[in-house]
Amino acid sequence: SGTMLDLPFTTKPSGAVVASNAPCFPAPRDSASDADGQSALVFLLSGCRDDDLSLNVFDVRGDARWSGAATTALLQCFRPGDTPHLLLCKMRSFLKSHGFTQQPQLSCSHPFDRPWSFLS
């Protein structure tokens, strides 16, 4: 589910970033720091929202195998240098084009106010 780690920030389907009402997570700070004072940046990309259901798909890549629909979307859509929000949008588009209604959820330990990218 989308709030599995109780991270304080999450995206709406529109792309808006909002502070979540994560009951177990302390109020957001300027940075999440470990014992050495290093800032920790945590992203959670889950297969669906809390009120949704993650589905499986068969043979979507022509390999006659079952796989998670969101995992398949991730593998098909990810490109080095993608921002987390761009990847999320591409995954949602992929799933919708294949007839799925589930919407992957992106949550983070920090606000999405910087253009982070994966592997760049």
C-alpha atoms as a PDB file:
ATOM      1  CA  SER A   1       0.000   0.000   0.000  1.00  0.00           C
ATOM      2  CA  GLY A   2       1.016   3.584  -0.506  1.00  0.00           C
ATOM      3  CA  THR A   3       1.637   4.406   3.156  1.00  0.00           C
ATOM      4  CA  MET A   4       3.571   1.269   4.055  1.00  0.00           C
ATOM      5  CA  LEU A   5       6.506   3.205   5.545  1.00  0.00           C
ATOM      6  CA  ASP A   6       4.417   6.093   6.936  1.00  0.00           C
ATOM      7  CA  LEU A   7       6.441   8.625   4.937  1.00  0.00           C
ATOM      8  CA  PRO A   8       5.277  12.210   5.419  1.00  0.00           C
ATOM      9  CA  PHE A   9       4.937  13.253   1.745  1.00  0.00           C
ATOM     10  CA  THR A  10       2.948  11.653  -1.043  1.00  0.00           C
ATOM     11  CA  THR A  11       1.763  12.462  -4.562  1.00  0.00           C
ATOM     12  CA  LYS A  12      -1.801  12.861  -5.718  1.00  0.00           C
ATOM     13  CA  PRO A  13      -2.834  11.547  -9.170  1.00  0.00           C
ATOM     14  CA  SER A  14      -2.596  15.162 -10.396  1.00  0.00           C
ATOM     15  CA  GLY A  15       1.088  15.204  -9.430  1.00  0.00           C
ATOM     16  CA  ALA A  16       0.574  17.542  -6.475  1.00  0.00           C
ATOM     17  CA  VAL A  17       2.752  16.746  -3.473  1.00  0.00           C
ATOM     18  CA  VAL A  18       0.996  16.828  -0.139  1.00  0.00           C
ATOM     19  CA  ALA A  19       1.945  16.181   3.459  1.00  0.00           C
ATOM     20  CA  SER A  20       0.295  12.910   4.386  1.00  0.00           C
ATOM     21  CA  ASN A  21      -1.441  12.183   7.644  1.00  0.00           C
ATOM     22  CA  ALA A  22       0.954   9.404   8.525  1.00  0.00           C
ATOM     23  CA  PRO A  23       0.048   8.621  12.156  1.00  0.00           C
ATOM     24  CA  CYS A  24       3.304   6.887  13.075  1.00  0.00           C
ATOM     25  CA  PHE A  25       5.714   9.322  11.458  1.00  0.00           C
ATOM     26  CA  PRO A  26       6.942  12.385  13.348  1.00  0.00           C
ATOM     27  CA  ALA A  27       6.221  15.828  11.936  1.00  0.00           C
ATOM     28  CA  PRO A  28       8.364  16.514   8.830  1.00  0.00           C
ATOM     29  CA  ARG A  29      11.733  18.063   9.541  1.00  0.00           C
ATOM     30  CA  ASP A  30      14.098  19.957   7.279  1.00  0.00           C
ATOM     31  CA  SER A  31      16.052  16.734   6.874  1.00  0.00           C
ATOM     32  CA  ALA A  32      15.908  13.180   8.107  1.00  0.00           C
ATOM     33  CA  SER A  33      19.330  12.526   9.599  1.00  0.00           C
ATOM     34  CA  ASP A  34      21.053   9.417  10.814  1.00  0.00           C
ATOM     35  CA  ALA A  35      23.360   9.275  13.828  1.00  0.00           C
ATOM     36  CA  ASP A  36      26.240  10.787  11.812  1.00  0.00           C
ATOM     37  CA  GLY A  37      24.114  13.732  10.695  1.00  0.00           C
ATOM     38  CA  GLN A  38      23.837  12.485   7.126  1.00  0.00           C
ATOM     39  CA  SER A  39      20.578  13.293   5.369  1.00  0.00           C
ATOM     40  CA  ALA A  40      18.482  10.266   4.400  1.00  0.00           C
ATOM     41  CA  LEU A  41      16.303  10.481   1.318  1.00  0.00           C
ATOM     42  CA  VAL A  42      13.718   7.687   1.234  1.00  0.00           C
ATOM     43  CA  PHE A  43      11.338   6.983  -1.652  1.00  0.00           C
ATOM     44  CA  LEU A  44       8.610   4.367  -1.643  1.00  0.00           C
ATOM     45  CA  LEU A  45       7.079   3.394  -4.947  1.00  0.00           C
ATOM     46  CA  SER A  46       4.182   1.060  -4.208  1.00  0.00           C
ATOM     47  CA  GLY A  47       1.971  -0.820  -6.630  1.00  0.00           C
ATOM     48  CA  CYS A  48      -1.206   0.989  -5.612  1.00  0.00           C
ATOM     49  CA  ARG A  49      -2.860   3.410  -3.239  1.00  0.00           C
ATOM     50  CA  ASP A  50      -4.092   2.230   0.170  1.00  0.00           C
ATOM     51  CA  ASP A  51      -7.674   2.004  -1.080  1.00  0.00           C
ATOM     52  CA  ASP A  52      -6.662   0.162  -4.243  1.00  0.00           C
ATOM     53  CA  LEU A  53      -5.607  -3.359  -5.223  1.00  0.00           C
ATOM     54  CA  SER A  54      -2.343  -4.413  -6.875  1.00  0.00           C
ATOM     55  CA  LEU A  55      -3.023  -6.815  -9.720  1.00  0.00           C
ATOM     56  CA  ASN A  56      -1.087  -9.438 -11.645  1.00  0.00           C
ATOM     57  CA  VAL A  57      -0.734  -9.667 -15.383  1.00  0.00           C
ATOM     58  CA  PHE A  58      -0.050 -12.655 -17.643  1.00  0.00           C
ATOM     59  CA  ASP A  59       2.147 -12.606 -20.745  1.00  0.00           C
ATOM     60  CA  VAL A  60       2.275  -8.811 -21.093  1.00  0.00           C
ATOM     61  CA  ARG A  61       5.872  -9.059 -22.336  1.00  0.00           C
ATOM     62  CA  GLY A  62       5.269 -12.134 -24.457  1.00  0.00           C
ATOM     63  CA  ASP A  63       7.074 -14.471 -22.049  1.00  0.00           C
ATOM     64  CA  ALA A  64       4.058 -16.557 -20.903  1.00  0.00           C
ATOM     65  CA  ARG A  65       4.643 -15.643 -17.237  1.00  0.00           C
ATOM     66  CA  TRP A  66       2.666 -14.023 -14.452  1.00  0.00           C
ATOM     67  CA  SER A  67       4.067 -10.852 -12.947  1.00  0.00           C
ATOM     68  CA  GLY A  68       2.885  -7.896 -10.916  1.00  0.00           C
ATOM     69  CA  ALA A  69       1.284  -5.261 -13.106  1.00  0.00           C
ATOM     70  CA  ALA A  70       3.117  -2.397 -11.364  1.00  0.00           C
ATOM     71  CA  THR A  71       6.429  -4.299 -11.444  1.00  0.00           C
ATOM     72  CA  THR A  72       5.966  -4.871 -15.166  1.00  0.00           C
ATOM     73  CA  ALA A  73       5.194  -1.167 -15.627  1.00  0.00           C
ATOM     74  CA  LEU A  74       8.328  -0.251 -13.661  1.00  0.00           C
ATOM     75  CA  LEU A  75      10.520  -2.534 -15.764  1.00  0.00           C
ATOM     76  CA  GLN A  76       9.021  -1.241 -19.015  1.00  0.00           C
ATOM     77  CA  CYS A  77       9.061   2.461 -18.110  1.00  0.00           C
ATOM     78  CA  PHE A  78      12.207   3.110 -16.065  1.00  0.00           C
ATOM     79  CA  ARG A  79      15.017   5.033 -17.735  1.00  0.00           C
ATOM     80  CA  PRO A  80      18.172   6.282 -15.959  1.00  0.00           C
ATOM     81  CA  GLY A  81      17.794   9.987 -15.268  1.00  0.00           C
ATOM     82  CA  ASP A  82      14.008   9.822 -14.787  1.00  0.00           C
ATOM     83  CA  THR A  83      12.709  11.910 -11.926  1.00  0.00           C
ATOM     84  CA  PRO A  84      10.542  10.011  -9.440  1.00  0.00           C
ATOM     85  CA  HIS A  85       7.449  11.922 -10.588  1.00  0.00           C
ATOM     86  CA  LEU A  86       8.157  11.263 -14.290  1.00  0.00           C
ATOM     87  CA  LEU A  87       8.583   7.545 -13.593  1.00  0.00           C
ATOM     88  CA  LEU A  88       5.318   7.513 -11.634  1.00  0.00           C
ATOM     89  CA  CYS A  89       3.464   9.224 -14.515  1.00  0.00           C
ATOM     90  CA  LYS A  90       4.922   6.806 -17.078  1.00  0.00           C
ATOM     91  CA  MET A  91       3.946   3.798 -14.949  1.00  0.00           C
ATOM     92  CA  ARG A  92       0.396   5.066 -14.481  1.00  0.00           C
ATOM     93  CA  SER A  93       0.088   5.678 -18.223  1.00  0.00           C
ATOM     94  CA  PHE A  94       1.439   2.190 -19.017  1.00  0.00           C
ATOM     95  CA  LEU A  95      -1.013   0.541 -16.630  1.00  0.00           C
ATOM     96  CA  LYS A  96      -3.961   2.537 -17.966  1.00  0.00           C
ATOM     97  CA  SER A  97      -3.045   1.669 -21.571  1.00  0.00           C
ATOM     98  CA  HIS A  98      -3.098  -2.017 -20.604  1.00  0.00           C
ATOM     99  CA  GLY A  99      -6.544  -1.794 -18.985  1.00  0.00           C
ATOM    100  CA  PHE A 100      -5.503  -1.569 -15.322  1.00  0.00           C
ATOM    101  CA  THR A 101      -7.137   0.867 -12.931  1.00  0.00           C
ATOM    102  CA  GLN A 102      -4.582   0.641 -10.126  1.00  0.00           C
ATOM    103  CA  GLN A 103      -2.461   3.746  -9.576  1.00  0.00           C
ATOM    104  CA  PRO A 104       1.047   3.329  -8.196  1.00  0.00           C
ATOM    105  CA  GLN A 105       1.783   5.603  -5.241  1.00  0.00           C
ATOM    106  CA  LEU A 106       4.981   7.557  -4.617  1.00  0.00           C
ATOM    107  CA  SER A 107       5.825   8.626  -1.075  1.00  0.00           C
ATOM    108  CA  CYS A 108       8.962  10.329   0.211  1.00  0.00           C
ATOM    109  CA  SER A 109      10.748  11.416   3.373  1.00  0.00           C
ATOM    110  CA  HIS A 110      11.194  14.935   1.970  1.00  0.00           C
ATOM    111  CA  PRO A 111       9.042  17.289  -0.107  1.00  0.00           C
ATOM    112  CA  PHE A 112       9.465  16.834  -3.858  1.00  0.00           C
ATOM    113  CA  ASP A 113      10.777  20.356  -4.305  1.00  0.00           C
ATOM    114  CA  ARG A 114      13.995  19.373  -6.047  1.00  0.00           C
ATOM    115  CA  PRO A 115      14.398  17.643  -9.402  1.00  0.00           C
ATOM    116  CA  TRP A 116      15.846  14.375  -8.050  1.00  0.00           C
ATOM    117  CA  SER A 117      16.580  11.752 -10.633  1.00  0.00           C
ATOM    118  CA  PHE A 118      17.462   8.081 -10.482  1.00  0.00           C
ATOM    119  CA  LEU A 119      20.982   6.992 -11.446  1.00  0.00           C
ATOM    120  CA  SER A 120      22.125  10.262 -12.919  1.00  0.00           C
END
